[in-house]
């Protein structure tokens, strides 16, 4: 357990914080997307699932299919 707060050196951006505020937004318009790479030489491809709210991307999960990481 930490006795001091961990340092944080950047501005916090995020849907979760904004939506959880008492007088926050009632509904957020977003678009879910998936990016898929081309197969590499050993037959693997990388998949990235993310959401876009305005011009901000929120990454949900990424990795290889077939039970490897996604």
PDB file of N, CA and C in Angstrom:
ATOM      1  N   UNK A   1       0.841  -1.167   0.000  1.00  0.00           N
ATOM      2  CA  UNK A   1       0.000   0.000   0.000  1.00  0.00           C
ATOM      3  C   UNK A   1       0.895   1.242   0.000  1.00  0.00           C
ATOM      4  N   UNK A   2       0.494   2.268  -0.785  1.00  0.00           N
ATOM      5  CA  UNK A   2       1.249   3.514  -0.871  1.00  0.00           C
ATOM      6  C   UNK A   2       0.785   4.487   0.198  1.00  0.00           C
ATOM      7  N   UNK A   3       1.740   5.178   0.802  1.00  0.00           N
ATOM      8  CA  UNK A   3       1.374   6.201   1.781  1.00  0.00           C
ATOM      9  C   UNK A   3       1.315   7.583   1.144  1.00  0.00           C
ATOM     10  N   UNK A   4       1.897   7.728  -0.058  1.00  0.00           N
ATOM     11  CA  UNK A   4       1.879   8.995  -0.781  1.00  0.00           C
ATOM     12  C   UNK A   4       1.212   8.779  -2.134  1.00  0.00           C
ATOM     13  N   UNK A   5       0.555   9.810  -2.670  1.00  0.00           N
ATOM     14  CA  UNK A   5      -0.024   9.672  -4.009  1.00  0.00           C
ATOM     15  C   UNK A   5       1.073   9.481  -5.059  1.00  0.00           C
ATOM     16  N   UNK A   6       0.781   8.703  -6.078  1.00  0.00           N
ATOM     17  CA  UNK A   6       1.720   8.534  -7.182  1.00  0.00           C
ATOM     18  C   UNK A   6       1.749   9.804  -8.023  1.00  0.00           C
ATOM     19  N   UNK A   7       2.900  10.198  -8.554  1.00  0.00           N
ATOM     20  CA  UNK A   7       2.963  11.415  -9.377  1.00  0.00           C
ATOM     21  C   UNK A   7       2.180  11.240 -10.682  1.00  0.00           C
ATOM     22  N   UNK A   8       1.567  12.312 -11.130  1.00  0.00           N
ATOM     23  CA  UNK A   8       0.813  12.308 -12.382  1.00  0.00           C
ATOM     24  C   UNK A   8       1.128  13.613 -13.091  1.00  0.00           C
ATOM     25  N   UNK A   9       1.721  13.527 -14.280  1.00  0.00           N
ATOM     26  CA  UNK A   9       2.250  14.721 -14.937  1.00  0.00           C
ATOM     27  C   UNK A   9       1.534  15.099 -16.226  1.00  0.00           C
ATOM     28  N   UNK A  10       0.270  14.783 -16.359  1.00  0.00           N
ATOM     29  CA  UNK A  10      -0.440  15.167 -17.581  1.00  0.00           C
ATOM     30  C   UNK A  10      -1.911  15.426 -17.277  1.00  0.00           C
ATOM     31  N   UNK A  11      -2.595  16.015 -18.234  1.00  0.00           N
ATOM     32  CA  UNK A  11      -4.012  16.312 -18.089  1.00  0.00           C
ATOM     33  C   UNK A  11      -4.816  15.032 -18.261  1.00  0.00           C
ATOM     34  N   UNK A  12      -5.781  14.822 -17.417  1.00  0.00           N
ATOM     35  CA  UNK A  12      -6.623  13.631 -17.496  1.00  0.00           C
ATOM     36  C   UNK A  12      -7.729  13.881 -18.517  1.00  0.00           C
ATOM     37  N   UNK A  13      -7.838  12.994 -19.490  1.00  0.00           N
ATOM     38  CA  UNK A  13      -8.910  13.037 -20.474  1.00  0.00           C
ATOM     39  C   UNK A  13      -9.622  11.698 -20.430  1.00  0.00           C
ATOM     40  N   UNK A  14     -10.926  11.701 -20.574  1.00  0.00           N
ATOM     41  CA  UNK A  14     -11.576  10.405 -20.635  1.00  0.00           C
ATOM     42  C   UNK A  14     -13.073  10.455 -20.485  1.00  0.00           C
ATOM     43  N   UNK A  15     -13.719   9.541 -21.164  1.00  0.00           N
ATOM     44  CA  UNK A  15     -15.166   9.415 -21.086  1.00  0.00           C
ATOM     45  C   UNK A  15     -15.604   9.006 -19.697  1.00  0.00           C
ATOM     46  N   UNK A  16     -14.935   8.054 -19.113  1.00  0.00           N
ATOM     47  CA  UNK A  16     -15.388   7.505 -17.838  1.00  0.00           C
ATOM     48  C   UNK A  16     -15.495   8.599 -16.785  1.00  0.00           C
ATOM     49  N   UNK A  17     -14.479   9.425 -16.651  1.00  0.00           N
ATOM     50  CA  UNK A  17     -14.513  10.504 -15.672  1.00  0.00           C
ATOM     51  C   UNK A  17     -15.644  11.478 -15.982  1.00  0.00           C
ATOM     52  N   UNK A  18     -15.764  11.900 -17.221  1.00  0.00           N
ATOM     53  CA  UNK A  18     -16.779  12.887 -17.594  1.00  0.00           C
ATOM     54  C   UNK A  18     -18.186  12.343 -17.374  1.00  0.00           C
ATOM     55  N   UNK A  19     -18.419  11.097 -17.759  1.00  0.00           N
ATOM     56  CA  UNK A  19     -19.749  10.507 -17.633  1.00  0.00           C
ATOM     57  C   UNK A  19     -20.117  10.212 -16.187  1.00  0.00           C
ATOM     58  N   UNK A  20     -19.138  10.046 -15.326  1.00  0.00           N
ATOM     59  CA  UNK A  20     -19.437   9.704 -13.937  1.00  0.00           C
ATOM     60  C   UNK A  20     -19.718  10.937 -13.073  1.00  0.00           C
ATOM     61  N   UNK A  21     -19.481  12.121 -13.583  1.00  0.00           N
ATOM     62  CA  UNK A  21     -19.750  13.330 -12.818  1.00  0.00           C
ATOM     63  C   UNK A  21     -21.250  13.508 -12.615  1.00  0.00           C
ATOM     64  N   UNK A  22     -21.640  14.043 -11.473  1.00  0.00           N
ATOM     65  CA  UNK A  22     -23.053  14.181 -11.128  1.00  0.00           C
ATOM     66  C   UNK A  22     -23.816  14.947 -12.201  1.00  0.00           C
ATOM     67  N   UNK A  23     -23.265  16.037 -12.680  1.00  0.00           N
ATOM     68  CA  UNK A  23     -23.954  16.825 -13.706  1.00  0.00           C
ATOM     69  C   UNK A  23     -23.307  16.616 -15.071  1.00  0.00           C
ATOM     70  N   UNK A  24     -22.761  15.439 -15.289  1.00  0.00           N
ATOM     71  CA  UNK A  24     -22.085  15.119 -16.543  1.00  0.00           C
ATOM     72  C   UNK A  24     -23.068  14.918 -17.692  1.00  0.00           C
ATOM     73  N   UNK A  25     -22.532  14.542 -18.797  1.00  0.00           N
ATOM     74  CA  UNK A  25     -23.309  14.331 -20.012  1.00  0.00           C
ATOM     75  C   UNK A  25     -24.256  13.154 -19.834  1.00  0.00           C
ATOM     76  N   UNK A  26     -25.493  13.285 -20.308  1.00  0.00           N
ATOM     77  CA  UNK A  26     -26.466  12.198 -20.220  1.00  0.00           C
ATOM     78  C   UNK A  26     -26.186  11.105 -21.241  1.00  0.00           C
ATOM     79  N   UNK A  27     -25.773  11.497 -22.430  1.00  0.00           N
ATOM     80  CA  UNK A  27     -25.513  10.528 -23.492  1.00  0.00           C
ATOM     81  C   UNK A  27     -24.280  10.986 -24.266  1.00  0.00           C
ATOM     82  N   UNK A  28     -23.398  10.041 -24.553  1.00  0.00           N
ATOM     83  CA  UNK A  28     -22.193  10.343 -25.313  1.00  0.00           C
ATOM     84  C   UNK A  28     -22.280   9.610 -26.643  1.00  0.00           C
ATOM     85  N   UNK A  29     -22.098  10.344 -27.735  1.00  0.00           N
ATOM     86  CA  UNK A  29     -22.096   9.734 -29.055  1.00  0.00           C
ATOM     87  C   UNK A  29     -20.697   9.209 -29.339  1.00  0.00           C
ATOM     88  N   UNK A  30     -20.615   7.934 -29.682  1.00  0.00           N
ATOM     89  CA  UNK A  30     -19.318   7.322 -29.951  1.00  0.00           C
ATOM     90  C   UNK A  30     -19.443   6.389 -31.151  1.00  0.00           C
ATOM     91  N   UNK A  31     -18.301   6.007 -31.679  1.00  0.00           N
ATOM     92  CA  UNK A  31     -18.268   5.051 -32.780  1.00  0.00           C
ATOM     93  C   UNK A  31     -17.237   3.982 -32.425  1.00  0.00           C
ATOM     94  N   UNK A  32     -17.650   2.710 -32.455  1.00  0.00           N
ATOM     95  CA  UNK A  32     -16.738   1.599 -32.204  1.00  0.00           C
ATOM     96  C   UNK A  32     -16.046   1.222 -33.510  1.00  0.00           C
ATOM     97  N   UNK A  33     -14.745   0.984 -33.451  1.00  0.00           N
ATOM     98  CA  UNK A  33     -13.957   0.675 -34.644  1.00  0.00           C
ATOM     99  C   UNK A  33     -13.024  -0.501 -34.384  1.00  0.00           C
ATOM    100  N   UNK A  34     -12.604  -1.146 -35.456  1.00  0.00           N
ATOM    101  CA  UNK A  34     -11.606  -2.211 -35.382  1.00  0.00           C
ATOM    102  C   UNK A  34     -10.598  -1.995 -36.501  1.00  0.00           C
ATOM    103  N   UNK A  35      -9.318  -1.982 -36.151  1.00  0.00           N
ATOM    104  CA  UNK A  35      -8.240  -1.937 -37.140  1.00  0.00           C
ATOM    105  C   UNK A  35      -7.587  -3.312 -37.175  1.00  0.00           C
ATOM    106  N   UNK A  36      -7.306  -3.809 -38.373  1.00  0.00           N
ATOM    107  CA  UNK A  36      -6.667  -5.113 -38.526  1.00  0.00           C
ATOM    108  C   UNK A  36      -5.483  -4.971 -39.468  1.00  0.00           C
ATOM    109  N   UNK A  37      -4.335  -5.487 -39.052  1.00  0.00           N
ATOM    110  CA  UNK A  37      -3.148  -5.426 -39.905  1.00  0.00           C
ATOM    111  C   UNK A  37      -3.208  -6.533 -40.954  1.00  0.00           C
ATOM    112  N   UNK A  38      -2.313  -6.451 -41.909  1.00  0.00           N
ATOM    113  CA  UNK A  38      -2.161  -7.536 -42.874  1.00  0.00           C
ATOM    114  C   UNK A  38      -1.458  -8.694 -42.177  1.00  0.00           C
ATOM    115  N   UNK A  39      -1.638  -9.906 -42.713  1.00  0.00           N
ATOM    116  CA  UNK A  39      -0.942 -11.061 -42.156  1.00  0.00           C
ATOM    117  C   UNK A  39       0.562 -10.881 -42.297  1.00  0.00           C
ATOM    118  N   UNK A  40       1.324 -11.268 -41.256  1.00  0.00           N
ATOM    119  CA  UNK A  40       2.774 -11.204 -41.381  1.00  0.00           C
ATOM    120  C   UNK A  40       3.297 -12.540 -41.913  1.00  0.00           C
ATOM    121  N   UNK A  41       4.602 -12.699 -41.940  1.00  0.00           N
ATOM    122  CA  UNK A  41       5.192 -13.883 -42.577  1.00  0.00           C
ATOM    123  C   UNK A  41       4.849 -15.198 -41.875  1.00  0.00           C
ATOM    124  N   UNK A  42       4.550 -15.155 -40.573  1.00  0.00           N
ATOM    125  CA  UNK A  42       4.162 -16.399 -39.903  1.00  0.00           C
ATOM    126  C   UNK A  42       2.654 -16.509 -39.700  1.00  0.00           C
ATOM    127  N   UNK A  43       1.882 -15.750 -40.473  1.00  0.00           N
ATOM    128  CA  UNK A  43       0.432 -15.901 -40.505  1.00  0.00           C
ATOM    129  C   UNK A  43      -0.346 -15.177 -39.424  1.00  0.00           C
ATOM    130  N   UNK A  44       0.314 -14.339 -38.635  1.00  0.00           N
ATOM    131  CA  UNK A  44      -0.385 -13.604 -37.587  1.00  0.00           C
ATOM    132  C   UNK A  44      -0.778 -12.212 -38.064  1.00  0.00           C
ATOM    133  N   UNK A  45      -1.857 -11.701 -37.504  1.00  0.00           N
ATOM    134  CA  UNK A  45      -2.259 -10.319 -37.754  1.00  0.00           C
ATOM    135  C   UNK A  45      -2.582  -9.686 -36.414  1.00  0.00           C
ATOM    136  N   UNK A  46      -2.455  -8.387 -36.337  1.00  0.00           N
ATOM    137  CA  UNK A  46      -2.750  -7.642 -35.119  1.00  0.00           C
ATOM    138  C   UNK A  46      -4.115  -6.997 -35.257  1.00  0.00           C
ATOM    139  N   UNK A  47      -4.903  -7.074 -34.199  1.00  0.00           N
ATOM    140  CA  UNK A  47      -6.229  -6.465 -34.183  1.00  0.00           C
ATOM    141  C   UNK A  47      -6.263  -5.440 -33.059  1.00  0.00           C
ATOM    142  N   UNK A  48      -6.822  -4.255 -33.354  1.00  0.00           N
ATOM    143  CA  UNK A  48      -6.985  -3.199 -32.360  1.00  0.00           C
ATOM    144  C   UNK A  48      -8.442  -2.766 -32.364  1.00  0.00           C
ATOM    145  N   UNK A  49      -9.110  -2.857 -31.220  1.00  0.00           N
ATOM    146  CA  UNK A  49     -10.487  -2.391 -31.087  1.00  0.00           C
ATOM    147  C   UNK A  49     -10.467  -1.113 -30.264  1.00  0.00           C
ATOM    148  N   UNK A  50     -11.177  -0.098 -30.751  1.00  0.00           N
ATOM    149  CA  UNK A  50     -11.189   1.194 -30.063  1.00  0.00           C
ATOM    150  C   UNK A  50     -12.504   1.903 -30.291  1.00  0.00           C
ATOM    151  N   UNK A  51     -12.733   2.965 -29.538  1.00  0.00           N
ATOM    152  CA  UNK A  51     -13.901   3.814 -29.696  1.00  0.00           C
ATOM    153  C   UNK A  51     -13.434   5.233 -29.958  1.00  0.00           C
ATOM    154  N   UNK A  52     -14.209   5.971 -30.722  1.00  0.00           N
ATOM    155  CA  UNK A  52     -13.910   7.372 -30.991  1.00  0.00           C
ATOM    156  C   UNK A  52     -15.054   8.227 -30.456  1.00  0.00           C
ATOM    157  N   UNK A  53     -14.700   9.228 -29.663  1.00  0.00           N
ATOM    158  CA  UNK A  53     -15.653  10.218 -29.167  1.00  0.00           C
ATOM    159  C   UNK A  53     -15.095  11.559 -29.592  1.00  0.00           C
ATOM    160  N   UNK A  54     -15.790  12.230 -30.506  1.00  0.00           N
ATOM    161  CA  UNK A  54     -15.245  13.458 -31.080  1.00  0.00           C
ATOM    162  C   UNK A  54     -13.967  13.114 -31.821  1.00  0.00           C
ATOM    163  N   UNK A  55     -12.861  13.758 -31.468  1.00  0.00           N
ATOM    164  CA  UNK A  55     -11.578  13.458 -32.122  1.00  0.00           C
ATOM    165  C   UNK A  55     -10.659  12.638 -31.212  1.00  0.00           C
ATOM    166  N   UNK A  56     -11.196  12.138 -30.098  1.00  0.00           N
ATOM    167  CA  UNK A  56     -10.392  11.374 -29.145  1.00  0.00           C
ATOM    168  C   UNK A  56     -10.625   9.882 -29.321  1.00  0.00           C
ATOM    169  N   UNK A  57      -9.523   9.117 -29.393  1.00  0.00           N
ATOM    170  CA  UNK A  57      -9.610   7.655 -29.478  1.00  0.00           C
ATOM    171  C   UNK A  57      -9.371   7.044 -28.106  1.00  0.00           C
ATOM    172  N   UNK A  58     -10.206   6.070 -27.773  1.00  0.00           N
ATOM    173  CA  UNK A  58     -10.072   5.301 -26.545  1.00  0.00           C
ATOM    174  C   UNK A  58      -9.822   3.854 -26.931  1.00  0.00           C
ATOM    175  N   UNK A  59      -8.646   3.341 -26.601  1.00  0.00           N
ATOM    176  CA  UNK A  59      -8.276   1.991 -26.993  1.00  0.00           C
ATOM    177  C   UNK A  59      -8.856   0.992 -26.004  1.00  0.00           C
ATOM    178  N   UNK A  60      -9.570  -0.011 -26.538  1.00  0.00           N
ATOM    179  CA  UNK A  60     -10.214  -1.016 -25.706  1.00  0.00           C
ATOM    180  C   UNK A  60      -9.342  -2.255 -25.530  1.00  0.00           C
ATOM    181  N   UNK A  61      -8.893  -2.826 -26.637  1.00  0.00           N
ATOM    182  CA  UNK A  61      -8.106  -4.053 -26.578  1.00  0.00           C
ATOM    183  C   UNK A  61      -7.326  -4.213 -27.873  1.00  0.00           C
ATOM    184  N   UNK A  62      -6.198  -4.865 -27.805  1.00  0.00           N
ATOM    185  CA  UNK A  62      -5.402  -5.113 -29.009  1.00  0.00           C
ATOM    186  C   UNK A  62      -4.554  -6.350 -28.831  1.00  0.00           C
ATOM    187  N   UNK A  63      -4.207  -6.979 -29.931  1.00  0.00           N
ATOM    188  CA  UNK A  63      -3.353  -8.155 -29.881  1.00  0.00           C
ATOM    189  C   UNK A  63      -3.627  -9.076 -31.039  1.00  0.00           C
ATOM    190  N   UNK A  64      -3.375 -10.354 -30.817  1.00  0.00           N
ATOM    191  CA  UNK A  64      -3.560 -11.362 -31.855  1.00  0.00           C
ATOM    192  C   UNK A  64      -4.859 -12.123 -31.629  1.00  0.00           C
ATOM    193  N   UNK A  65      -5.543 -12.551 -32.704  1.00  0.00           N
ATOM    194  CA  UNK A  65      -6.765 -13.348 -32.546  1.00  0.00           C
ATOM    195  C   UNK A  65      -6.450 -14.785 -32.127  1.00  0.00           C
ATOM    196  N   UNK A  66      -7.453 -15.595 -32.072  1.00  0.00           N
ATOM    197  CA  UNK A  66      -7.356 -17.020 -31.765  1.00  0.00           C
ATOM    198  C   UNK A  66      -6.862 -17.280 -30.347  1.00  0.00           C
ATOM    199  N   UNK A  67      -7.362 -16.492 -29.397  1.00  0.00           N
ATOM    200  CA  UNK A  67      -7.052 -16.722 -28.001  1.00  0.00           C
ATOM    201  C   UNK A  67      -5.679 -16.293 -27.553  1.00  0.00           C
ATOM    202  N   UNK A  68      -4.964 -15.553 -28.373  1.00  0.00           N
ATOM    203  CA  UNK A  68      -3.611 -15.166 -27.983  1.00  0.00           C
ATOM    204  C   UNK A  68      -3.604 -13.967 -27.058  1.00  0.00           C
ATOM    205  N   UNK A  69      -4.229 -12.842 -27.443  1.00  0.00           N
ATOM    206  CA  UNK A  69      -4.267 -11.672 -26.563  1.00  0.00           C
ATOM    207  C   UNK A  69      -5.552 -10.881 -26.645  1.00  0.00           C
ATOM    208  N   UNK A  70      -6.256 -10.930 -27.770  1.00  0.00           N
ATOM    209  CA  UNK A  70      -7.458 -10.091 -27.918  1.00  0.00           C
ATOM    210  C   UNK A  70      -8.601 -10.712 -27.164  1.00  0.00           C
TER     211      UNK A  70
END
